[in-house]
């Protein structure tokens, strides 16, 4: 069947859909892609695609301002081109925005099958899987998601298309990459910009999507000097808007021979340059995901709202650093009360030492970088990308709770049967107590909700209905008041507000949700009791 994937996001998110596309292709589907036209070059680096349809998003918006009829005509021409060249049997929308949802619905008019982020016939949210809802909800709850976005995309693509087979094994994130000729041209260009290095090239990506997520230029300059001293040539990569950063680095590293390609490459040439490098030192960027897809090891730094658990490089053996601060990661849209101290927390000497360890090729098993939590990417036993601590942060409450979420959420989001199996979070009493208390209260409210629902089914009195709705809202309030459970609060409301959900459906949902919360509560169990025991 023809499966059309819709991804209207930035470079990194587009590249992160590669594994889902590979899953679909491996299952025998023909796969098409709709992406923004300024990232069509990235789509050319992806494998498993039978057709690519660039969407001129910026031009359409500009035409809407000048002449909405011309914009509508161009939009219609795109739809006709898709239907003429790649009539979809199913559309998988990986973009949660309202325009993307509407476009998916329009593209699937003939097929009638939309998966992922969708709308119903009345224009209401109709996400077709819990994984889609979880991906969107987790974006607003920093520190809550234990899953890499690549794996979440794979799960979204698999649900509703059972032959896709995603989730059964580690995802294939390998990009098609540059040709042999493109690689040769990249090496020639590097040699024209700097002498041939004694030991190899190391790429440095100085920019980030936001200033708060950018490691200081002075720190990158320190790393560049240290690499040059032992025989590596730094290669500066990035967009044209990052030219001021490159100039500042060169001023701070006077005398260091380096190749400056910032603003001087398209995506295909950037890919070729990266394959000539032994390592990429980077912030959390699209370049990082490009390097990972090309098999180039990454040493990535995650600051402010960025964290490696969900946006880390999908390549085993990479190192991810985040500031060893209790406030990290911070939430979106909130002013930092600490003056963005996380940008200065990670010591450049430690980053340089880790880079040299990676370049030596022996594999890094234990590492210490002052001011940083150090993680190594690896495939987990569940077939999903995982992180292992190299800096003794595995026993922290934050890490243990992330791992607990990973074990509990996976079967819940997959729709698999839930059992009250033995789990253990091994969190400290101090860390688990507020979570346990909130879970006790929420489980008690779900028990009450079930009793009220039974009464309401027998006698739908207005007073009972009012109490039932109040209890339903209180479940959300209790979970939302606990930072570590706020994502569950959002998930509860999303599921309970699905259009067409009747009273038996709400009670079935409450029962399944209660099992999820009880499993989590039993895993914490600092006092050996649970809300279900009390009920």
Protein backbone atom coordinates (compact mmCIF):
# COMPACT_ATOMS: atom_id res chain seq x y z
CA UNK A 1 0.00 0.00 0.00
CA UNK A 2 1.00 3.65 -0.46
CA UNK A 3 1.77 5.29 2.89
CA UNK A 4 2.26 9.05 2.90
CA UNK A 5 4.24 10.45 5.86
CA UNK A 6 3.58 14.09 6.74
CA UNK A 7 6.37 15.88 8.64
CA UNK A 8 6.28 19.70 8.54
CA UNK A 9 8.81 20.35 11.29
CA UNK A 10 12.43 21.42 11.55
CA UNK A 11 15.48 19.61 10.21
CA UNK A 12 16.11 17.50 13.31
CA UNK A 13 12.51 16.30 13.63
CA UNK A 14 12.37 15.48 9.93
CA UNK A 15 15.52 13.37 10.13
CA UNK A 16 14.20 11.66 13.26
CA UNK A 17 11.36 10.17 11.19
CA UNK A 18 13.89 8.08 9.20
CA UNK A 19 13.49 4.97 11.36
CA UNK A 20 9.68 5.04 11.03
CA UNK A 21 10.04 5.31 7.25
CA UNK A 22 12.50 2.39 7.27
CA UNK A 23 10.00 0.30 9.28
CA UNK A 24 7.25 1.01 6.77
CA UNK A 25 9.47 0.21 3.82
CA UNK A 26 10.69 -3.02 5.44
CA UNK A 27 7.06 -4.09 5.72
CA UNK A 28 6.63 -3.78 1.96
CA UNK A 29 4.86 -0.41 1.79
CA UNK A 30 5.66 2.29 -0.73
CA UNK A 31 6.46 5.42 1.26
CA UNK A 32 6.01 9.06 0.28
CA UNK A 33 6.92 12.15 2.30
CA UNK A 34 5.47 15.65 2.51
CA UNK A 35 7.95 18.08 4.08
CA UNK A 36 8.67 21.81 4.04
CA UNK A 37 10.43 22.86 0.86
CA UNK A 38 13.44 24.36 2.68
CA UNK A 39 14.22 20.88 4.03
CA UNK A 40 13.76 19.00 0.76
CA UNK A 41 17.54 18.60 0.64
CA UNK A 42 17.38 16.64 3.90
CA UNK A 43 14.69 14.40 2.44
CA UNK A 44 17.12 13.64 -0.37
CA UNK A 45 19.48 12.16 2.22
CA UNK A 46 16.84 9.85 3.65
CA UNK A 47 16.44 6.24 2.57
CA UNK A 48 13.33 4.23 1.79
CA UNK A 49 11.36 7.05 0.12
CA UNK A 50 9.53 6.49 -3.15
CA UNK A 51 8.33 10.09 -3.50
CA UNK A 52 8.94 13.49 -1.89
CA UNK A 53 6.51 16.40 -2.07
CA UNK A 54 7.97 19.73 -0.85
CA UNK A 55 5.41 22.09 0.68
CA UNK A 56 6.20 25.80 0.12
CA UNK A 57 5.01 26.83 3.57
CA UNK A 58 6.59 30.29 3.73
CA UNK A 59 5.47 31.13 0.18
CA UNK A 60 1.92 30.02 0.88
CA UNK A 61 1.77 32.23 3.97
CA UNK A 62 3.14 35.19 2.00
CA UNK A 63 0.58 34.63 -0.75
CA UNK A 64 -2.21 34.47 1.79
CA UNK A 65 -1.31 38.02 2.81
CA UNK A 66 -1.28 39.23 -0.82
CA UNK A 67 -3.94 37.11 -2.54
CA UNK A 68 -5.66 34.25 -0.74
CA UNK A 69 -7.01 32.92 -4.05
CA UNK A 70 -3.48 32.41 -5.42
CA UNK A 71 -2.48 30.68 -2.20
CA UNK A 72 -5.50 28.40 -2.38
CA UNK A 73 -4.69 27.54 -6.00
CA UNK A 74 -1.10 26.60 -5.14
CA UNK A 75 -2.31 24.49 -2.23
CA UNK A 76 -4.77 22.70 -4.50
CA UNK A 77 -2.02 22.05 -7.05
CA UNK A 78 0.08 20.34 -4.36
CA UNK A 79 -2.83 18.10 -3.40
CA UNK A 80 -3.45 17.19 -7.02
CA UNK A 81 0.24 16.39 -7.55
CA UNK A 82 0.22 14.02 -4.56
CA UNK A 83 -2.94 12.28 -5.72
CA UNK A 84 -1.65 12.00 -9.28
CA UNK A 85 1.79 10.63 -8.42
CA UNK A 86 1.24 8.89 -5.07
CA UNK A 87 -2.42 8.31 -4.22
CA UNK A 88 -2.18 7.41 -0.51
CA UNK A 89 -3.88 4.43 1.06
CA UNK A 90 -2.92 5.87 4.45
CA UNK A 91 -1.49 9.13 5.77
CA UNK A 92 0.73 9.18 8.85
CA UNK A 93 0.93 12.70 10.27
CA UNK A 94 3.90 13.26 12.60
CA UNK A 95 3.24 17.01 13.07
CA UNK A 96 0.78 18.05 15.81
CA UNK A 97 -0.01 21.55 14.49
CA UNK A 98 -3.57 22.33 13.39
CA UNK A 99 -2.57 23.14 9.76
CA UNK A 100 -0.73 19.80 9.52
CA UNK A 101 -3.74 17.94 10.94
CA UNK A 102 -6.02 19.64 8.39
CA UNK A 103 -3.63 18.89 5.53
CA UNK A 104 -3.48 15.23 6.58
CA UNK A 105 -7.27 15.04 6.59
CA UNK A 106 -7.40 16.63 3.12
CA UNK A 107 -4.70 14.37 1.67
CA UNK A 108 -6.48 11.29 2.99
CA UNK A 109 -9.84 12.27 1.56
CA UNK A 110 -9.86 9.33 -0.81
CA UNK A 111 -8.18 6.85 1.52
CA UNK A 112 -9.97 8.00 4.66
CA UNK A 113 -7.17 6.61 6.80
CA UNK A 114 -5.11 9.02 8.92
CA UNK A 115 -2.72 7.88 11.62
CA UNK A 116 -0.90 9.95 14.20
CA UNK A 117 -2.03 13.54 14.72
CA UNK A 118 -5.50 13.78 13.20
CA UNK A 119 -8.83 15.61 13.18
CA UNK A 120 -12.31 14.15 13.09
CA UNK A 121 -14.98 15.21 10.59
CA UNK A 122 -16.06 18.05 12.90
CA UNK A 123 -12.53 19.41 13.24
CA UNK A 124 -11.84 18.15 16.77
CA UNK A 125 -8.59 16.55 17.91
CA UNK A 126 -8.67 12.86 17.02
CA UNK A 127 -5.17 11.52 17.62
CA UNK A 128 -5.23 7.90 16.58
CA UNK A 129 -2.87 6.51 19.20
CA UNK A 130 -1.79 7.15 22.75
CA UNK A 131 1.77 7.48 21.45
CA UNK A 132 0.79 10.52 19.42
CA UNK A 133 -0.92 12.09 22.41
CA UNK A 134 2.01 11.21 24.65
CA UNK A 135 4.51 12.80 22.26
CA UNK A 136 2.62 16.08 22.21
CA UNK A 137 1.88 16.11 25.95
CA UNK A 138 5.47 15.24 26.89
CA UNK A 139 6.73 18.27 24.99
CA UNK A 140 5.08 20.45 27.62
CA UNK A 141 6.32 18.43 30.60
CA UNK A 142 10.09 18.69 30.58
CA UNK A 143 11.91 15.83 32.23
CA UNK A 144 8.85 13.61 31.93
CA UNK A 145 9.45 11.60 28.77
CA UNK A 146 11.70 8.53 28.98
CA UNK A 147 11.47 7.79 25.24
CA UNK A 148 13.52 9.05 22.32
CA UNK A 149 11.42 10.87 19.71
CA UNK A 150 12.67 8.47 17.03
CA UNK A 151 11.09 5.58 18.92
CA UNK A 152 7.88 7.54 19.50
CA UNK A 153 7.63 8.25 15.75
CA UNK A 154 8.11 4.54 15.11
CA UNK A 155 5.34 3.64 17.52
CA UNK A 156 2.95 6.19 15.98
CA UNK A 157 3.63 4.82 12.49
CA UNK A 158 3.11 1.22 13.63
CA UNK A 159 -0.22 1.64 15.41
CA UNK A 160 -3.05 1.10 12.97
CA UNK A 161 -0.67 -0.44 10.43
CA UNK A 162 0.09 -3.76 12.13
CA UNK A 163 2.20 -5.03 9.24
CA UNK A 164 4.71 -2.21 9.78
CA UNK A 165 6.42 -4.21 12.52
CA UNK A 166 7.81 -1.19 14.35
CA UNK A 167 8.76 -1.65 17.95
CA UNK A 168 9.88 -5.25 17.56
CA UNK A 169 13.56 -4.42 17.14
CA UNK A 170 15.97 -1.52 17.17
CA UNK A 171 15.10 1.12 14.60
CA UNK A 172 17.16 1.58 11.44
CA UNK A 173 18.11 5.25 11.60
CA UNK A 174 20.67 5.03 8.80
CA UNK A 175 20.40 7.84 6.27
CA UNK A 176 21.22 7.32 2.61
CA UNK A 177 24.11 9.71 2.94
CA UNK A 178 26.33 11.36 0.36
CA UNK A 179 27.76 9.66 -2.73
CA UNK A 180 31.42 8.72 -3.08
CA UNK A 181 31.92 11.72 -5.37
CA UNK A 182 30.29 14.09 -2.85
CA UNK A 183 32.54 12.75 -0.12
CA UNK A 184 35.62 13.26 -2.27
CA UNK A 185 34.62 16.85 -3.06
CA UNK A 186 34.09 17.53 0.66
CA UNK A 187 37.59 16.29 1.49
CA UNK A 188 39.06 18.42 -1.29
CA UNK A 189 37.31 21.47 0.07
CA UNK A 190 38.53 20.81 3.60
CA UNK A 191 42.10 20.58 2.31
CA UNK A 192 41.76 23.99 0.62
CA UNK A 193 40.70 25.58 3.93
CA UNK A 194 43.25 24.00 6.29
CA UNK A 195 46.36 21.80 6.07
CA UNK A 196 45.80 18.06 6.10
CA UNK A 197 45.50 17.07 9.77
CA UNK A 198 47.85 14.68 11.39
CA UNK A 199 45.07 12.74 13.12
CA UNK A 200 41.79 13.76 11.47
CA UNK A 201 38.92 16.26 11.42
CA UNK A 202 36.50 17.05 14.27
CA UNK A 203 33.34 19.04 13.51
CA UNK A 204 32.07 21.74 15.89
CA UNK A 205 28.46 22.97 15.74
CA UNK A 206 28.34 26.24 17.70
CA UNK A 207 24.70 27.23 17.33
CA UNK A 208 21.42 26.02 18.77
CA UNK A 209 17.72 26.73 18.32
CA UNK A 210 17.79 29.20 21.23
CA UNK A 211 20.47 31.21 22.98
CA UNK A 212 19.81 29.49 26.32
CA UNK A 213 20.52 26.11 24.70
CA UNK A 214 23.91 27.17 23.32
CA UNK A 215 27.17 26.25 25.08
CA UNK A 216 29.39 29.38 25.19
CA UNK A 217 31.70 30.09 22.25
CA UNK A 218 34.64 30.43 24.67
CA UNK A 219 34.09 26.81 25.75
CA UNK A 220 34.05 25.59 22.15
CA UNK A 221 37.23 27.60 21.53
CA UNK A 222 38.93 25.82 24.44
CA UNK A 223 37.98 22.46 22.95
CA UNK A 224 39.17 23.55 19.50
CA UNK A 225 42.60 24.56 20.87
CA UNK A 226 42.97 21.29 22.76
CA UNK A 227 42.06 19.22 19.71
CA UNK A 228 44.51 21.12 17.53
CA UNK A 229 47.33 20.59 20.03
CA UNK A 230 47.13 16.83 19.61
CA UNK A 231 46.78 16.84 15.80
CA UNK A 232 43.09 17.25 14.98
CA UNK A 233 41.74 20.01 12.72
CA UNK A 234 38.49 21.62 13.93
CA UNK A 235 35.79 22.05 11.26
CA UNK A 236 33.20 24.71 12.00
CA UNK A 237 29.73 23.91 10.64
CA UNK A 238 26.41 25.67 10.93
CA UNK A 239 23.90 27.98 9.28
CA UNK A 240 24.68 31.42 7.87
CA UNK A 241 22.95 33.02 10.87
CA UNK A 242 25.70 31.52 13.05
CA UNK A 243 28.55 33.35 11.29
CA UNK A 244 29.06 35.76 14.24
CA UNK A 245 29.66 32.73 16.49
CA UNK A 246 32.29 31.39 14.10
CA UNK A 247 34.07 34.75 13.99
CA UNK A 248 34.13 34.94 17.77
CA UNK A 249 35.56 31.43 18.04
CA UNK A 250 38.34 32.19 15.57
CA UNK A 251 39.23 35.33 17.51
CA UNK A 252 39.37 33.29 20.73
CA UNK A 253 41.50 30.58 19.09
CA UNK A 254 43.98 32.66 17.15
CA UNK A 255 46.69 30.51 15.57
CA UNK A 256 44.58 27.35 15.42
CA UNK A 257 44.29 25.99 11.88
CA UNK A 258 40.64 25.22 11.21
CA UNK A 259 38.17 24.87 8.35
CA UNK A 260 35.33 27.38 8.61
CA UNK A 261 32.26 26.19 6.69
CA UNK A 262 29.59 28.04 8.70
CA UNK A 263 26.98 29.24 6.25
CA UNK A 264 28.92 27.73 3.36
CA UNK A 265 27.25 24.36 2.80
CA UNK A 266 23.90 23.03 1.73
CA UNK A 267 22.57 19.94 3.47
CA UNK A 268 24.08 17.41 1.02
CA UNK A 269 27.51 19.01 1.32
CA UNK A 270 27.18 19.27 5.09
CA UNK A 271 26.46 15.54 5.18
CA UNK A 272 29.56 14.87 3.10
CA UNK A 273 31.70 17.06 5.39
CA UNK A 274 30.41 15.26 8.48
CA UNK A 275 31.35 11.87 7.03
CA UNK A 276 34.92 13.19 6.71
CA UNK A 277 35.02 13.88 10.46
CA UNK A 278 35.81 11.46 13.23
CA UNK A 279 33.55 13.23 15.74
CA UNK A 280 30.97 16.00 16.06
CA UNK A 281 30.95 18.20 19.18
CA UNK A 282 27.60 19.94 19.20
CA UNK A 283 24.63 21.41 20.98
CA UNK A 284 21.23 19.72 20.56
CA UNK A 285 20.77 20.51 16.85
CA UNK A 286 19.59 19.15 13.53
CA UNK A 287 23.25 18.72 12.62
CA UNK A 288 23.54 16.27 15.54
CA UNK A 289 20.70 14.14 14.13
CA UNK A 290 22.23 14.31 10.66
CA UNK A 291 25.57 13.09 12.00
CA UNK A 292 23.90 10.27 13.97
CA UNK A 293 22.04 9.11 10.87
CA UNK A 294 25.34 9.05 8.99
CA UNK A 295 27.04 7.00 11.71
CA UNK A 296 29.30 9.86 12.87
CA UNK A 297 29.83 9.73 16.68
CA UNK A 298 28.49 12.73 18.58
CA UNK A 299 29.48 14.43 21.80
CA UNK A 300 26.35 16.48 22.46
CA UNK A 301 25.59 19.10 25.11
CA UNK A 302 21.99 19.59 26.30
CA UNK A 303 21.12 22.84 28.09
CA UNK A 304 17.98 24.63 29.31
CA UNK A 305 14.91 22.80 27.91
CA UNK A 306 16.99 20.27 25.94
CA UNK A 307 17.53 16.81 27.42
CA UNK A 308 19.05 13.67 25.91
CA UNK A 309 16.31 11.27 27.01
CA UNK A 310 13.96 12.42 24.27
CA UNK A 311 16.10 14.26 21.70
CA UNK A 312 19.47 12.55 22.06
CA UNK A 313 21.32 11.19 19.02
CA UNK A 314 19.90 7.89 17.78
CA UNK A 315 23.25 6.18 17.50
CA UNK A 316 24.79 3.84 20.08
CA UNK A 317 28.10 4.99 21.54
CA UNK A 318 27.46 8.74 21.52
CA UNK A 319 28.02 10.80 24.66
CA UNK A 320 25.38 13.22 25.94
CA UNK A 321 26.16 15.83 28.59
CA UNK A 322 23.64 17.82 30.59
CA UNK A 323 24.27 20.16 33.53
CA UNK A 324 24.33 18.45 36.90
CA UNK A 325 21.75 20.83 38.33
CA UNK A 326 18.43 19.99 40.02
CA UNK A 327 16.58 22.55 37.86
CA UNK A 328 17.57 20.90 34.59
CA UNK A 329 15.74 20.48 32.28
CA UNK A 330 13.73 23.66 32.67
CA UNK A 331 10.24 24.24 31.33
CA UNK A 332 9.32 26.06 28.15
CA UNK A 333 8.38 29.73 28.31
CA UNK A 334 9.63 30.35 31.85
CA UNK A 335 12.30 32.92 32.70
CA UNK A 336 15.36 31.32 34.28
CA UNK A 337 15.73 32.42 37.93
CA UNK A 338 19.41 31.42 37.87
CA UNK A 339 20.61 33.60 35.01
CA UNK A 340 21.02 30.61 32.66
CA UNK A 341 23.70 29.19 34.94
CA UNK A 342 23.44 25.83 33.16
CA UNK A 343 25.28 27.32 30.16
CA UNK A 344 28.35 27.77 32.34
CA UNK A 345 28.00 24.60 34.41
CA UNK A 346 29.80 22.13 32.13
CA UNK A 347 33.58 22.51 32.28
CA UNK A 348 35.31 22.67 28.86
CA UNK A 349 38.31 20.70 30.16
CA UNK A 350 35.97 17.80 30.86
CA UNK A 351 34.40 18.03 27.40
CA UNK A 352 37.85 18.07 25.77
CA UNK A 353 38.91 15.02 27.79
CA UNK A 354 35.78 13.12 26.74
CA UNK A 355 36.29 14.09 23.10
CA UNK A 356 39.83 12.73 23.18
CA UNK A 357 38.64 9.50 24.81
CA UNK A 358 36.07 9.04 22.05
CA UNK A 359 38.64 9.78 19.36
CA UNK A 360 41.02 7.21 20.82
CA UNK A 361 38.41 4.62 19.87
CA UNK A 362 38.64 2.45 22.95
CA UNK A 363 35.08 3.07 24.10
CA UNK A 364 34.14 5.20 27.10
CA UNK A 365 32.77 3.19 30.03
CA UNK A 366 33.25 5.57 32.93
CA UNK A 367 33.64 9.31 32.64
CA UNK A 368 33.78 12.40 34.77
CA UNK A 369 33.21 15.91 33.45
CA UNK A 370 32.95 18.60 36.13
CA UNK A 371 29.45 20.05 36.29
CA UNK A 372 27.91 17.45 34.00
CA UNK A 373 25.84 14.31 33.97
CA UNK A 374 27.43 12.11 31.32
CA UNK A 375 25.34 9.54 29.43
CA UNK A 376 26.22 7.06 26.70
CA UNK A 377 23.59 6.08 24.15
CA UNK A 378 22.84 2.38 23.72
CA UNK A 379 19.99 0.19 22.54
CA UNK A 380 17.92 -1.07 25.45
CA UNK A 381 16.64 -4.57 25.94
CA UNK A 382 13.19 -3.31 24.93
CA UNK A 383 14.46 -2.38 21.46
CA UNK A 384 14.35 1.36 22.21
CA UNK A 385 17.18 3.86 22.47
CA UNK A 386 18.43 4.12 26.03
CA UNK A 387 21.00 6.03 28.07
CA UNK A 388 23.46 4.64 30.59
CA UNK A 389 25.18 6.89 33.11
CA UNK A 390 28.96 7.08 32.98
CA UNK A 391 29.18 9.61 35.83
CA UNK A 392 27.47 7.83 38.75
CA UNK A 393 24.06 9.43 38.15
CA UNK A 394 22.26 6.12 37.61
CA UNK A 395 21.18 5.91 41.27
CA UNK A 396 19.66 9.40 41.45
CA UNK A 397 15.92 9.64 42.04
CA UNK A 398 15.47 11.43 38.70
CA UNK A 399 17.10 8.60 36.77
CA UNK A 400 15.29 5.89 38.67
CA UNK A 401 11.92 7.56 38.12
CA UNK A 402 12.63 7.93 34.39
CA UNK A 403 13.41 4.21 34.21
CA UNK A 404 10.24 3.39 36.14
CA UNK A 405 8.19 5.45 33.69
CA UNK A 406 9.86 3.65 30.81
CA UNK A 407 8.85 0.23 32.14
CA UNK A 408 5.30 1.25 33.03
CA UNK A 409 4.36 3.53 30.14
CA UNK A 410 5.52 1.22 27.34
CA UNK A 411 2.77 -1.43 27.71
CA UNK A 412 0.18 1.22 28.60
CA UNK A 413 0.83 3.29 25.46
CA UNK A 414 1.04 0.15 23.31
CA UNK A 415 -2.40 -0.91 24.56
CA UNK A 416 -1.01 -4.15 25.98
CA UNK A 417 -2.55 -5.86 29.03
CA UNK A 418 -1.44 -4.43 32.35
CA UNK A 419 -0.62 -6.57 35.34
CA UNK A 420 0.21 -5.65 38.92
CA UNK A 421 3.66 -7.16 38.40
CA UNK A 422 6.48 -6.54 40.78
CA UNK A 423 8.41 -3.35 40.04
CA UNK A 424 10.93 -1.46 42.09
CA UNK A 425 11.97 2.14 41.60
CA UNK A 426 14.52 2.11 44.47
CA UNK A 427 14.01 5.83 44.97
CA UNK A 428 14.89 7.49 48.24
CA UNK A 429 12.10 8.01 50.75
CA UNK A 430 12.47 11.75 50.37
CA UNK A 431 12.14 11.55 46.59
CA UNK A 432 9.31 9.05 46.49
CA UNK A 433 7.11 10.37 49.31
CA UNK A 434 5.39 13.27 47.46
CA UNK A 435 4.84 11.07 44.41
CA UNK A 436 3.46 8.24 46.54
CA UNK A 437 1.11 10.58 48.39
CA UNK A 438 -0.28 11.99 45.14
CA UNK A 439 -0.71 8.48 43.73
CA UNK A 440 -2.54 7.32 46.86
CA UNK A 441 -4.99 10.18 46.55
CA UNK A 442 -5.48 9.71 42.79
CA UNK A 443 -6.05 5.95 43.16
CA UNK A 444 -8.60 6.60 45.89
CA UNK A 445 -10.40 9.08 43.64
CA UNK A 446 -10.48 6.58 40.78
CA UNK A 447 -12.02 4.02 43.13
CA UNK A 448 -14.62 6.61 44.14
CA UNK A 449 -15.21 7.47 40.47
CA UNK A 450 -15.95 3.80 39.72
CA UNK A 451 -18.53 3.65 42.53
CA UNK A 452 -20.15 6.90 41.44
CA UNK A 453 -20.22 5.63 37.84
CA UNK A 454 -22.03 2.45 38.87
CA UNK A 455 -24.61 4.52 40.72
CA UNK A 456 -24.95 6.91 37.80
CA UNK A 457 -25.58 4.02 35.40
CA UNK A 458 -28.45 2.78 37.59
CA UNK A 459 -29.97 6.19 38.30
CA UNK A 460 -28.67 9.17 36.28
CA UNK A 461 -29.63 11.80 38.83
CA UNK A 462 -28.18 15.31 38.24
CA UNK A 463 -26.61 15.38 41.71
CA UNK A 464 -24.74 12.12 41.11
CA UNK A 465 -23.60 13.34 37.70
CA UNK A 466 -22.25 16.54 39.26
CA UNK A 467 -20.30 14.56 41.87
CA UNK A 468 -19.00 12.18 39.17
CA UNK A 469 -17.66 15.06 37.04
CA UNK A 470 -16.11 16.73 40.08
CA UNK A 471 -14.26 13.52 41.00
CA UNK A 472 -13.09 13.15 37.41
CA UNK A 473 -11.59 16.65 37.53
CA UNK A 474 -10.04 16.06 40.96
CA UNK A 475 -8.00 13.15 39.55
CA UNK A 476 -6.38 15.60 37.18
CA UNK A 477 -5.81 18.20 39.90
CA UNK A 478 -4.09 15.77 42.24
CA UNK A 479 -1.75 14.44 39.56
CA UNK A 480 -1.04 17.88 38.12
CA UNK A 481 0.00 19.21 41.52
CA UNK A 482 2.96 16.79 41.56
CA UNK A 483 5.68 17.75 39.07
CA UNK A 484 6.62 14.15 38.33
CA UNK A 485 3.00 13.22 37.58
CA UNK A 486 1.90 16.22 35.54
CA UNK A 487 2.25 14.27 32.29
CA UNK A 488 -0.12 11.60 33.64
CA UNK A 489 -2.60 14.36 34.48
CA UNK A 490 -2.55 15.56 30.88
CA UNK A 491 -2.82 11.99 29.57
CA UNK A 492 -5.83 11.31 31.81
CA UNK A 493 -7.70 14.36 30.51
CA UNK A 494 -6.78 13.58 26.90
CA UNK A 495 -8.17 10.06 27.14
CA UNK A 496 -11.24 10.98 29.17
CA UNK A 497 -12.23 13.76 26.76
CA UNK A 498 -12.11 11.66 23.61
CA UNK A 499 -15.21 12.41 21.48
CA UNK A 500 -17.87 9.75 21.73
CA UNK A 501 -16.59 8.22 24.98
CA UNK A 502 -19.64 7.01 26.91
CA UNK A 503 -19.98 6.16 30.60
CA UNK A 504 -18.87 2.50 30.24
CA UNK A 505 -15.89 3.73 28.25
CA UNK A 506 -14.91 6.24 30.94
CA UNK A 507 -15.21 3.56 33.64
CA UNK A 508 -13.07 1.14 31.61
CA UNK A 509 -10.50 3.89 31.15
CA UNK A 510 -10.56 4.67 34.88
CA UNK A 511 -9.98 1.01 35.71
CA UNK A 512 -7.00 0.72 33.35
CA UNK A 513 -5.59 4.04 34.56
CA UNK A 514 -5.94 2.88 38.16
CA UNK A 515 -3.84 -0.21 37.36
CA UNK A 516 -1.13 2.01 35.85
CA UNK A 517 -1.07 4.27 38.91
CA UNK A 518 -1.15 1.33 41.29
CA UNK A 519 1.81 -0.32 39.56
CA UNK A 520 3.72 2.93 39.97
CA UNK A 521 2.66 3.25 43.60
CA UNK A 522 3.71 -0.31 44.42
CA UNK A 523 7.09 0.32 42.80
CA UNK A 524 7.63 3.28 45.14
CA UNK A 525 6.04 1.77 48.25
CA UNK A 526 8.33 3.37 50.86
CA UNK A 527 5.88 2.32 53.57
CA UNK A 528 4.65 -0.92 51.99
CA UNK A 529 1.11 0.35 51.41
CA UNK A 530 -0.80 1.71 48.44
CA UNK A 531 -3.94 3.63 47.76
CA UNK A 532 -5.57 0.45 46.53
CA UNK A 533 -4.86 -1.17 49.90
CA UNK A 534 -6.53 1.76 51.64
CA UNK A 535 -9.52 1.60 49.33
